[in-house]
Amino acid sequence: MVPDIGVLGPYTYLATEIFWGSVAAALLYYADAFRRAARTIVALYPIAYAWDRYTLEVGVFEIPLRTGVDLLGIPIEEHLFMIVVPALVIGVHETLRVVLDEPSGSDDRAAAANDGDA
C-alpha cells in the first residue's frame, strides 16, 4: 500500500520535488554530470515552460496540493519539475554509464580522433 502523502497539504507537490530532486542531485554528483545536466536543462527549459503554461491555461491539468506560489504564470513546483525531470533522467543515464564503465560521447570522439592519428 502506498502511503498518502496528501497529509502534507499544500506542500505535497513541493515535498515530492525536493525528494526526487535530491535523488537526481545524488546521481549527478556520483556520475560527475552536473555540467551535462545543466546544458540539457537550459536547452529544454523554454520548451517545457511554454508547454506547461499552455496546458495550465487551457485546463489540461490542475494541481490541488501545491503551495499556491506562482512565478511567471505557473506554480513554483512546475518550475522545479522542469529542472528535476531532466536532471533525474540524465543522472540515471550517466550513473549507468559510470557503473557499466561505458565511455561518454566526448570520450568516443577523442578515441576516434586518436585512432585516426595512428
N, C-alpha and C. Protein backbone atom coordinates (compact mmCIF):
# COMPACT_ATOMS: atom_id res chain seq x y z
N MET A 1 0.84 -1.18 0.00
CA MET A 1 0.00 0.00 0.00
C MET A 1 0.89 1.25 0.00
N VAL A 2 0.54 2.20 -0.82
CA VAL A 2 1.31 3.43 -0.95
C VAL A 2 0.81 4.42 0.11
N PRO A 3 1.75 5.03 0.86
CA PRO A 3 1.32 5.99 1.87
C PRO A 3 0.70 7.23 1.23
N ASP A 4 -0.26 7.81 1.93
CA ASP A 4 -0.92 9.03 1.45
C ASP A 4 -0.09 10.23 1.87
N ILE A 5 0.66 10.79 0.91
CA ILE A 5 1.47 11.96 1.25
C ILE A 5 0.66 13.24 1.18
N GLY A 6 -0.63 13.13 0.87
CA GLY A 6 -1.50 14.29 0.84
C GLY A 6 -1.62 14.96 2.20
N VAL A 7 -1.15 14.28 3.25
CA VAL A 7 -1.18 14.87 4.59
C VAL A 7 -0.29 16.10 4.67
N LEU A 8 0.59 16.26 3.69
CA LEU A 8 1.45 17.44 3.66
C LEU A 8 0.71 18.66 3.13
N GLY A 9 -0.54 18.45 2.73
CA GLY A 9 -1.38 19.55 2.28
C GLY A 9 -0.78 20.32 1.13
N PRO A 10 -0.71 21.64 1.24
CA PRO A 10 -0.23 22.46 0.14
C PRO A 10 1.27 22.28 -0.16
N TYR A 11 1.96 21.54 0.69
CA TYR A 11 3.39 21.31 0.47
C TYR A 11 3.67 19.94 -0.14
N THR A 12 2.62 19.21 -0.51
CA THR A 12 2.78 17.86 -1.03
C THR A 12 3.62 17.83 -2.30
N TYR A 13 3.23 18.63 -3.28
CA TYR A 13 3.95 18.63 -4.56
C TYR A 13 5.39 19.11 -4.36
N LEU A 14 5.57 20.14 -3.57
CA LEU A 14 6.90 20.66 -3.30
C LEU A 14 7.77 19.60 -2.62
N ALA A 15 7.19 18.86 -1.69
CA ALA A 15 7.95 17.80 -0.99
C ALA A 15 8.41 16.72 -1.97
N THR A 16 7.54 16.35 -2.91
CA THR A 16 7.94 15.33 -3.88
C THR A 16 9.04 15.85 -4.79
N GLU A 17 8.97 17.13 -5.16
CA GLU A 17 10.02 17.71 -5.99
C GLU A 17 11.35 17.74 -5.25
N ILE A 18 11.32 18.07 -3.98
CA ILE A 18 12.55 18.10 -3.19
C ILE A 18 13.13 16.69 -3.05
N PHE A 19 12.26 15.71 -2.80
CA PHE A 19 12.73 14.33 -2.68
C PHE A 19 13.39 13.86 -3.97
N TRP A 20 12.67 13.94 -5.09
CA TRP A 20 13.22 13.46 -6.36
C TRP A 20 14.37 14.33 -6.86
N GLY A 21 14.34 15.61 -6.54
CA GLY A 21 15.47 16.48 -6.87
C GLY A 21 16.72 16.08 -6.11
N SER A 22 16.56 15.63 -4.88
CA SER A 22 17.70 15.15 -4.09
C SER A 22 18.27 13.86 -4.68
N VAL A 23 17.38 12.99 -5.13
CA VAL A 23 17.84 11.76 -5.79
C VAL A 23 18.61 12.12 -7.06
N ALA A 24 18.07 13.04 -7.85
CA ALA A 24 18.75 13.47 -9.08
C ALA A 24 20.11 14.07 -8.76
N ALA A 25 20.17 14.94 -7.75
CA ALA A 25 21.45 15.57 -7.38
C ALA A 25 22.47 14.53 -6.94
N ALA A 26 22.04 13.54 -6.20
CA ALA A 26 22.96 12.49 -5.74
C ALA A 26 23.50 11.70 -6.93
N LEU A 27 22.64 11.37 -7.87
CA LEU A 27 23.09 10.63 -9.06
C LEU A 27 24.04 11.47 -9.90
N LEU A 28 23.71 12.75 -10.08
CA LEU A 28 24.58 13.63 -10.86
C LEU A 28 25.93 13.81 -10.18
N TYR A 29 25.93 13.90 -8.86
CA TYR A 29 27.19 14.01 -8.12
C TYR A 29 28.02 12.75 -8.31
N TYR A 30 27.38 11.59 -8.15
CA TYR A 30 28.08 10.32 -8.30
C TYR A 30 28.71 10.19 -9.68
N ALA A 31 27.98 10.60 -10.70
CA ALA A 31 28.44 10.46 -12.08
C ALA A 31 29.25 11.66 -12.57
N ASP A 32 29.41 12.67 -11.71
CA ASP A 32 30.12 13.90 -12.08
C ASP A 32 29.53 14.48 -13.37
N ALA A 33 28.20 14.65 -13.36
CA ALA A 33 27.50 15.04 -14.58
C ALA A 33 26.67 16.31 -14.43
N PHE A 34 27.00 17.15 -13.47
CA PHE A 34 26.22 18.38 -13.28
C PHE A 34 26.25 19.28 -14.52
N ARG A 35 27.41 19.41 -15.15
CA ARG A 35 27.50 20.29 -16.32
C ARG A 35 26.67 19.77 -17.48
N ARG A 36 26.72 18.46 -17.72
CA ARG A 36 25.91 17.87 -18.80
C ARG A 36 24.43 18.08 -18.53
N ALA A 37 24.03 17.88 -17.28
CA ALA A 37 22.62 18.07 -16.92
C ALA A 37 22.22 19.53 -17.08
N ALA A 38 23.07 20.43 -16.65
CA ALA A 38 22.75 21.86 -16.74
C ALA A 38 22.55 22.29 -18.18
N ARG A 39 23.40 21.81 -19.08
CA ARG A 39 23.25 22.15 -20.51
C ARG A 39 21.91 21.68 -21.04
N THR A 40 21.55 20.48 -20.71
CA THR A 40 20.28 19.93 -21.19
C THR A 40 19.09 20.67 -20.60
N ILE A 41 19.16 20.96 -19.31
CA ILE A 41 18.07 21.68 -18.65
C ILE A 41 17.89 23.06 -19.25
N VAL A 42 18.98 23.76 -19.49
CA VAL A 42 18.89 25.10 -20.10
C VAL A 42 18.28 25.02 -21.49
N ALA A 43 18.62 24.00 -22.24
CA ALA A 43 18.06 23.85 -23.59
C ALA A 43 16.58 23.49 -23.56
N LEU A 44 16.17 22.65 -22.62
CA LEU A 44 14.78 22.18 -22.57
C LEU A 44 13.83 23.11 -21.82
N TYR A 45 14.35 23.91 -20.93
CA TYR A 45 13.50 24.72 -20.05
C TYR A 45 12.51 25.62 -20.80
N PRO A 46 12.94 26.37 -21.81
CA PRO A 46 11.96 27.23 -22.50
C PRO A 46 10.82 26.44 -23.15
N ILE A 47 11.13 25.29 -23.70
CA ILE A 47 10.10 24.44 -24.31
C ILE A 47 9.14 23.94 -23.24
N ALA A 48 9.69 23.45 -22.14
CA ALA A 48 8.87 22.93 -21.04
C ALA A 48 8.01 24.04 -20.45
N TYR A 49 8.57 25.22 -20.31
CA TYR A 49 7.82 26.35 -19.77
C TYR A 49 6.62 26.69 -20.65
N ALA A 50 6.86 26.80 -21.96
CA ALA A 50 5.77 27.14 -22.88
C ALA A 50 4.69 26.05 -22.86
N TRP A 51 5.11 24.83 -22.85
CA TRP A 51 4.18 23.70 -22.82
C TRP A 51 3.36 23.73 -21.54
N ASP A 52 4.02 23.91 -20.42
CA ASP A 52 3.36 23.93 -19.11
C ASP A 52 2.39 25.10 -19.01
N ARG A 53 2.84 26.25 -19.42
CA ARG A 53 2.00 27.45 -19.35
C ARG A 53 0.72 27.26 -20.16
N TYR A 54 0.87 26.71 -21.36
CA TYR A 54 -0.29 26.48 -22.22
C TYR A 54 -1.24 25.45 -21.61
N THR A 55 -0.71 24.31 -21.16
CA THR A 55 -1.58 23.26 -20.64
C THR A 55 -2.31 23.70 -19.37
N LEU A 56 -1.67 24.49 -18.55
CA LEU A 56 -2.35 25.02 -17.36
C LEU A 56 -3.42 26.02 -17.77
N GLU A 57 -3.13 26.85 -18.76
CA GLU A 57 -4.07 27.88 -19.22
C GLU A 57 -5.35 27.27 -19.79
N VAL A 58 -5.22 26.21 -20.56
CA VAL A 58 -6.40 25.61 -21.19
C VAL A 58 -7.08 24.58 -20.29
N GLY A 59 -6.50 24.31 -19.13
CA GLY A 59 -7.14 23.42 -18.17
C GLY A 59 -6.88 21.94 -18.37
N VAL A 60 -5.77 21.60 -18.99
CA VAL A 60 -5.44 20.20 -19.20
C VAL A 60 -5.26 19.48 -17.86
N PHE A 61 -4.63 20.14 -16.91
CA PHE A 61 -4.49 19.56 -15.59
C PHE A 61 -4.55 20.63 -14.52
N GLU A 62 -4.81 20.18 -13.31
CA GLU A 62 -4.91 21.07 -12.16
C GLU A 62 -4.05 20.48 -11.05
N ILE A 63 -3.44 21.34 -10.25
CA ILE A 63 -2.55 20.88 -9.20
C ILE A 63 -3.11 21.34 -7.85
N PRO A 64 -3.91 20.51 -7.19
CA PRO A 64 -4.55 20.95 -5.96
C PRO A 64 -3.61 20.99 -4.74
N LEU A 65 -2.62 20.11 -4.65
CA LEU A 65 -1.76 20.04 -3.47
C LEU A 65 -0.45 20.78 -3.70
N ARG A 66 -0.56 22.08 -3.88
CA ARG A 66 0.62 22.92 -4.12
C ARG A 66 0.57 24.13 -3.21
N THR A 67 1.68 24.86 -3.16
CA THR A 67 1.80 25.99 -2.24
C THR A 67 0.95 27.18 -2.66
N GLY A 68 0.66 27.30 -3.93
CA GLY A 68 -0.09 28.47 -4.40
C GLY A 68 0.82 29.60 -4.84
N VAL A 69 2.12 29.40 -4.75
CA VAL A 69 3.09 30.41 -5.18
C VAL A 69 3.33 30.23 -6.68
N ASP A 70 3.04 31.29 -7.44
CA ASP A 70 3.26 31.26 -8.89
C ASP A 70 4.44 32.16 -9.24
N LEU A 71 5.14 31.76 -10.27
CA LEU A 71 6.26 32.54 -10.80
C LEU A 71 6.13 32.53 -12.31
N LEU A 72 6.04 33.69 -12.93
CA LEU A 72 5.89 33.82 -14.38
C LEU A 72 4.69 33.04 -14.90
N GLY A 73 3.62 33.04 -14.12
CA GLY A 73 2.36 32.47 -14.58
C GLY A 73 2.15 30.99 -14.33
N ILE A 74 3.12 30.31 -13.72
CA ILE A 74 2.94 28.89 -13.41
C ILE A 74 3.41 28.62 -11.98
N PRO A 75 2.90 27.55 -11.37
CA PRO A 75 3.30 27.24 -9.99
C PRO A 75 4.80 27.02 -9.86
N ILE A 76 5.34 27.43 -8.74
CA ILE A 76 6.77 27.27 -8.48
C ILE A 76 7.17 25.80 -8.56
N GLU A 77 6.25 24.93 -8.17
CA GLU A 77 6.54 23.49 -8.22
C GLU A 77 6.75 23.01 -9.66
N GLU A 78 6.06 23.63 -10.59
CA GLU A 78 6.23 23.25 -12.00
C GLU A 78 7.60 23.67 -12.53
N HIS A 79 8.08 24.81 -12.05
CA HIS A 79 9.44 25.22 -12.43
C HIS A 79 10.44 24.18 -11.93
N LEU A 80 10.26 23.74 -10.71
CA LEU A 80 11.15 22.70 -10.16
C LEU A 80 11.02 21.41 -10.95
N PHE A 81 9.80 21.05 -11.32
CA PHE A 81 9.56 19.85 -12.10
C PHE A 81 10.35 19.89 -13.41
N MET A 82 10.40 21.06 -14.05
CA MET A 82 11.09 21.21 -15.33
C MET A 82 12.61 21.10 -15.17
N ILE A 83 13.09 21.21 -13.96
CA ILE A 83 14.51 21.03 -13.67
C ILE A 83 14.77 19.60 -13.21
N VAL A 84 13.91 19.10 -12.33
CA VAL A 84 14.12 17.79 -11.72
C VAL A 84 14.01 16.66 -12.73
N VAL A 85 13.02 16.69 -13.60
CA VAL A 85 12.83 15.57 -14.53
C VAL A 85 14.05 15.35 -15.43
N PRO A 86 14.53 16.36 -16.17
CA PRO A 86 15.71 16.08 -16.98
C PRO A 86 16.95 15.76 -16.14
N ALA A 87 17.06 16.38 -14.97
CA ALA A 87 18.20 16.08 -14.10
C ALA A 87 18.17 14.63 -13.66
N LEU A 88 16.99 14.12 -13.34
CA LEU A 88 16.86 12.73 -12.92
C LEU A 88 17.17 11.78 -14.07
N VAL A 89 16.65 12.08 -15.25
CA VAL A 89 16.92 11.23 -16.41
C VAL A 89 18.42 11.20 -16.71
N ILE A 90 19.04 12.35 -16.74
CA ILE A 90 20.48 12.40 -17.03
C ILE A 90 21.28 11.76 -15.90
N GLY A 91 20.84 11.97 -14.66
CA GLY A 91 21.52 11.34 -13.53
C GLY A 91 21.50 9.83 -13.63
N VAL A 92 20.35 9.26 -13.98
CA VAL A 92 20.26 7.81 -14.15
C VAL A 92 21.13 7.36 -15.32
N HIS A 93 21.03 8.06 -16.44
CA HIS A 93 21.81 7.70 -17.63
C HIS A 93 23.31 7.74 -17.36
N GLU A 94 23.77 8.82 -16.79
CA GLU A 94 25.20 8.97 -16.53
C GLU A 94 25.70 8.02 -15.44
N THR A 95 24.86 7.74 -14.45
CA THR A 95 25.24 6.78 -13.42
C THR A 95 25.38 5.39 -14.04
N LEU A 96 24.45 5.02 -14.90
CA LEU A 96 24.58 3.73 -15.59
C LEU A 96 25.84 3.67 -16.42
N ARG A 97 26.17 4.79 -17.07
CA ARG A 97 27.40 4.84 -17.87
C ARG A 97 28.62 4.60 -17.00
N VAL A 98 28.65 5.24 -15.84
CA VAL A 98 29.78 5.08 -14.92
C VAL A 98 29.83 3.65 -14.39
N VAL A 99 28.71 3.15 -13.95
CA VAL A 99 28.65 1.82 -13.36
C VAL A 99 29.03 0.75 -14.39
N LEU A 100 28.55 0.92 -15.60
CA LEU A 100 28.83 -0.06 -16.65
C LEU A 100 30.15 0.22 -17.35
N ASP A 101 30.84 1.29 -16.92
CA ASP A 101 32.14 1.68 -17.46
C ASP A 101 32.11 1.90 -18.96
N GLU A 102 31.07 2.59 -19.43
CA GLU A 102 30.99 2.95 -20.83
C GLU A 102 31.53 4.36 -21.01
N PRO A 103 32.28 4.59 -22.06
CA PRO A 103 32.78 5.96 -22.28
C PRO A 103 31.64 6.90 -22.65
N SER A 104 31.80 8.17 -22.27
CA SER A 104 30.79 9.17 -22.66
C SER A 104 30.99 9.52 -24.12
N GLY A 105 30.04 10.28 -24.67
CA GLY A 105 30.11 10.66 -26.08
C GLY A 105 31.39 11.40 -26.42
N SER A 106 31.84 12.27 -25.51
CA SER A 106 33.06 13.04 -25.80
C SER A 106 34.27 12.12 -25.80
N ASP A 107 34.28 11.09 -24.95
CA ASP A 107 35.38 10.14 -24.93
C ASP A 107 35.42 9.33 -26.23
N ASP A 108 34.24 9.01 -26.78
CA ASP A 108 34.18 8.29 -28.05
C ASP A 108 34.82 9.10 -29.15
N ARG A 109 34.53 10.40 -29.18
CA ARG A 109 35.12 11.27 -30.21
C ARG A 109 36.63 11.36 -30.04
N ALA A 110 37.08 11.46 -28.80
CA ALA A 110 38.52 11.55 -28.54
C ALA A 110 39.21 10.26 -28.96
N ALA A 111 38.60 9.12 -28.67
CA ALA A 111 39.17 7.84 -29.04
C ALA A 111 39.23 7.71 -30.56
N ALA A 112 38.17 8.15 -31.24
CA ALA A 112 38.14 8.10 -32.71
C ALA A 112 39.21 9.00 -33.30
N ALA A 113 39.41 10.17 -32.71
CA ALA A 113 40.44 11.10 -33.19
C ALA A 113 41.83 10.50 -33.00
N ASN A 114 42.04 9.85 -31.87
CA ASN A 114 43.35 9.22 -31.60
C ASN A 114 43.59 8.05 -32.52
N ASP A 115 42.55 7.30 -32.87
CA ASP A 115 42.70 6.19 -33.81
C ASP A 115 43.11 6.70 -35.18
N GLY A 116 42.61 7.85 -35.55
CA GLY A 116 42.94 8.43 -36.85
C GLY A 116 44.39 8.92 -36.91
N ASP A 117 44.98 9.21 -35.73
CA ASP A 117 46.36 9.69 -35.69
C ASP A 117 47.36 8.57 -35.91
N ALA A 118 46.95 7.35 -35.63
CA ALA A 118 47.90 6.23 -35.67
C ALA A 118 48.26 5.83 -37.06
